[in-house]
Amino acid sequence: MDAIFQREIEKVVVVFKTLVESKPIRYPLGVRTLPEKGIYLFSEKGAHQYVGRSDSIRDRLNMHQRESADINSASFAALIAKKDCGIKAVSYKVAAPGSHYSDQPDFRKAFSLAKKRIRQMEIKVIEETDPVRQALLELYTASVLKTPYNDFSNH
């Protein structure tokens, strides 16, 4: 392995351990201080569910659970709702108005319930300002914790 990459991975391992051992927070986020850039981890009843990264953590966390958020901004909730509705891989072809899965009543209900579910989850956050290390940390965390809602497939 390249020595530079090896050093980056070693840094990621240390930050990962700090993330996992950090004290969880919950919604509402209120006025608590959060890092601006970094990684966040959602867990439910001790089971790690989803890891993400952002250059605006507070805004990103709020988008995951905001009732008015759509499927593009509340992607974690959309993943939960798709699983709950049995929706598999979805083509990115343009759908006729009203025919997209996100327009279907069963999905809309599951999506709303998923955002409520996310509001009950524990969240851990850690600062990481370097974008490459953010990406490595997200991949490493999802791999090690086997977060079921992370999907790194290409579209």
Protein backbone atom coordinates (compact mmCIF):
# COMPACT_ATOMS: atom_id res chain seq x y z
CA MET A 1 0.00 0.00 0.00
CA ASP A 2 1.18 3.51 -0.75
CA ALA A 3 2.75 5.11 2.35
CA ILE A 4 0.76 8.35 2.03
CA PHE A 5 -2.53 6.48 1.73
CA GLN A 6 -1.56 4.24 4.65
CA ARG A 7 -1.03 7.32 6.86
CA GLU A 8 -4.44 8.68 5.83
CA ILE A 9 -6.10 5.39 6.73
CA GLU A 10 -4.33 5.35 10.10
CA LYS A 11 -5.75 8.84 10.80
CA VAL A 12 -9.20 7.67 9.76
CA VAL A 13 -9.03 4.73 12.17
CA VAL A 14 -8.28 7.09 15.08
CA VAL A 15 -11.10 9.48 14.15
CA PHE A 16 -13.49 6.54 13.67
CA LYS A 17 -12.76 5.31 17.21
CA THR A 18 -13.39 8.81 18.57
CA LEU A 19 -16.69 9.01 16.66
CA VAL A 20 -17.96 5.66 17.92
CA GLU A 21 -16.99 6.46 21.52
CA SER A 22 -18.47 9.98 21.47
CA LYS A 23 -21.55 10.97 23.42
CA PRO A 24 -24.72 10.79 21.31
CA ILE A 25 -27.08 13.69 20.76
CA ARG A 26 -30.76 13.72 19.83
CA TYR A 27 -33.28 15.96 18.15
CA PRO A 28 -34.10 18.73 18.60
CA LEU A 29 -30.57 19.96 18.04
CA GLY A 30 -31.29 23.29 19.71
CA VAL A 31 -28.37 25.62 20.35
CA ARG A 32 -25.76 22.94 21.06
CA THR A 33 -22.44 23.42 19.35
CA LEU A 34 -21.81 21.10 16.42
CA PRO A 35 -18.84 20.92 14.11
CA GLU A 36 -19.41 22.66 10.80
CA LYS A 37 -17.83 19.95 8.66
CA GLY A 38 -17.52 16.27 9.32
CA ILE A 39 -19.21 12.92 9.72
CA TYR A 40 -22.46 11.97 11.42
CA LEU A 41 -23.75 8.58 12.47
CA PHE A 42 -27.39 7.65 13.12
CA SER A 43 -28.08 4.75 15.50
CA GLU A 44 -31.29 3.18 16.72
CA LYS A 45 -31.54 1.03 19.84
CA GLY A 46 -27.77 0.47 19.75
CA ALA A 47 -27.71 -0.54 16.08
CA HIS A 48 -25.85 1.75 13.70
CA GLN A 49 -28.06 2.61 10.72
CA TYR A 50 -26.52 5.29 8.51
CA VAL A 51 -23.38 7.39 8.21
CA GLY A 52 -23.07 10.58 6.21
CA ARG A 53 -20.77 13.49 5.68
CA SER A 54 -21.38 17.17 5.20
CA ASP A 55 -19.75 20.57 5.09
CA SER A 56 -22.77 21.90 6.97
CA ILE A 57 -23.61 19.27 9.58
CA ARG A 58 -26.37 21.14 11.42
CA ASP A 59 -28.26 21.87 8.20
CA ARG A 60 -27.73 18.34 6.90
CA LEU A 61 -28.94 16.69 10.10
CA ASN A 62 -32.04 18.87 10.09
CA MET A 63 -32.81 18.01 6.48
CA HIS A 64 -32.82 14.28 7.27
CA GLN A 65 -35.80 14.67 9.59
CA ARG A 66 -37.62 17.86 8.58
CA GLU A 67 -41.25 17.08 7.71
CA SER A 68 -41.14 19.38 4.67
CA ALA A 69 -37.96 17.76 3.28
CA ASP A 70 -38.27 15.94 -0.03
CA ILE A 71 -36.63 12.65 -1.05
CA ASN A 72 -33.52 14.40 -2.35
CA SER A 73 -32.79 16.29 0.85
CA ALA A 74 -33.98 13.61 3.29
CA SER A 75 -32.11 10.78 1.58
CA PHE A 76 -31.81 8.61 4.69
CA ALA A 77 -35.58 8.76 5.22
CA ALA A 78 -36.10 7.97 1.54
CA LEU A 79 -33.89 4.89 1.88
CA ILE A 80 -35.88 3.70 4.91
CA ALA A 81 -39.19 4.31 3.11
CA LYS A 82 -38.03 2.52 -0.04
CA LYS A 83 -37.02 -0.51 2.03
CA ASP A 84 -40.30 -0.45 3.97
CA CYS A 85 -42.26 -0.30 0.69
CA GLY A 86 -40.18 -3.01 -0.98
CA ILE A 87 -38.85 -0.64 -3.64
CA LYS A 88 -35.65 -1.96 -5.18
CA ALA A 89 -33.21 -0.12 -7.42
CA VAL A 90 -34.92 2.74 -9.19
CA SER A 91 -34.08 4.00 -12.65
CA TYR A 92 -33.29 7.67 -13.02
CA LYS A 93 -35.46 7.98 -16.13
CA VAL A 94 -37.97 10.79 -16.08
CA ALA A 95 -41.32 9.49 -14.86
CA ALA A 96 -44.69 10.78 -15.96
CA PRO A 97 -46.22 13.19 -13.44
CA GLY A 98 -47.67 11.22 -10.54
CA SER A 99 -46.09 7.91 -11.59
CA HIS A 100 -42.78 8.19 -9.73
CA TYR A 101 -42.57 6.00 -6.61
CA SER A 102 -42.18 9.13 -4.47
CA ASP A 103 -45.65 10.30 -5.60
CA GLN A 104 -47.39 7.12 -4.46
CA PRO A 105 -49.49 7.34 -1.27
CA ASP A 106 -47.89 4.30 0.38
CA PHE A 107 -44.41 5.71 -0.15
CA ARG A 108 -45.43 9.22 1.03
CA LYS A 109 -46.77 7.71 4.27
CA ALA A 110 -43.65 5.53 4.77
CA PHE A 111 -41.42 8.55 4.03
CA SER A 112 -43.20 10.66 6.65
CA LEU A 113 -42.93 7.84 9.20
CA ALA A 114 -39.23 7.40 8.38
CA LYS A 115 -38.55 11.07 9.17
CA LYS A 116 -40.37 10.63 12.49
CA ARG A 117 -38.28 7.52 13.16
CA ILE A 118 -35.07 9.44 12.43
CA ARG A 119 -36.11 12.12 14.95
CA GLN A 120 -35.96 9.42 17.64
CA MET A 121 -32.48 8.16 16.73
CA GLU A 122 -29.21 8.87 18.46
CA ILE A 123 -26.70 10.89 16.47
CA LYS A 124 -22.94 11.05 16.85
CA VAL A 125 -20.90 13.68 15.07
CA ILE A 126 -17.23 14.37 14.64
CA GLU A 127 -15.37 17.16 12.93
CA GLU A 128 -13.39 16.36 9.81
CA THR A 129 -12.58 19.31 7.58
CA ASP A 130 -10.48 17.53 4.96
CA PRO A 131 -12.81 16.37 2.14
CA VAL A 132 -10.73 13.31 1.23
CA ARG A 133 -10.56 12.20 4.85
CA GLN A 134 -14.32 12.82 5.14
CA ALA A 135 -14.94 10.45 2.23
CA LEU A 136 -12.55 7.84 3.61
CA LEU A 137 -14.09 8.09 7.07
CA GLU A 138 -17.61 7.71 5.69
CA LEU A 139 -16.62 4.60 3.72
CA TYR A 140 -14.62 3.16 6.60
CA THR A 141 -17.43 3.74 9.10
CA ALA A 142 -20.09 2.26 6.81
CA SER A 143 -17.86 -0.76 6.12
CA VAL A 144 -16.84 -1.48 9.71
CA LEU A 145 -20.27 -0.84 11.25
CA LYS A 146 -22.16 -2.43 8.33
CA THR A 147 -24.69 0.40 8.28
CA PRO A 148 -27.65 -1.06 6.38
CA TYR A 149 -28.85 2.17 4.78
CA ASN A 150 -25.61 3.29 3.18
CA ASP A 151 -25.47 2.68 -0.54
CA PHE A 152 -22.43 3.58 -2.56
CA SER A 153 -23.67 2.21 -5.87
CA ASN A 154 -23.28 4.32 -8.98
CA HIS A 155 -26.28 5.81 -10.71
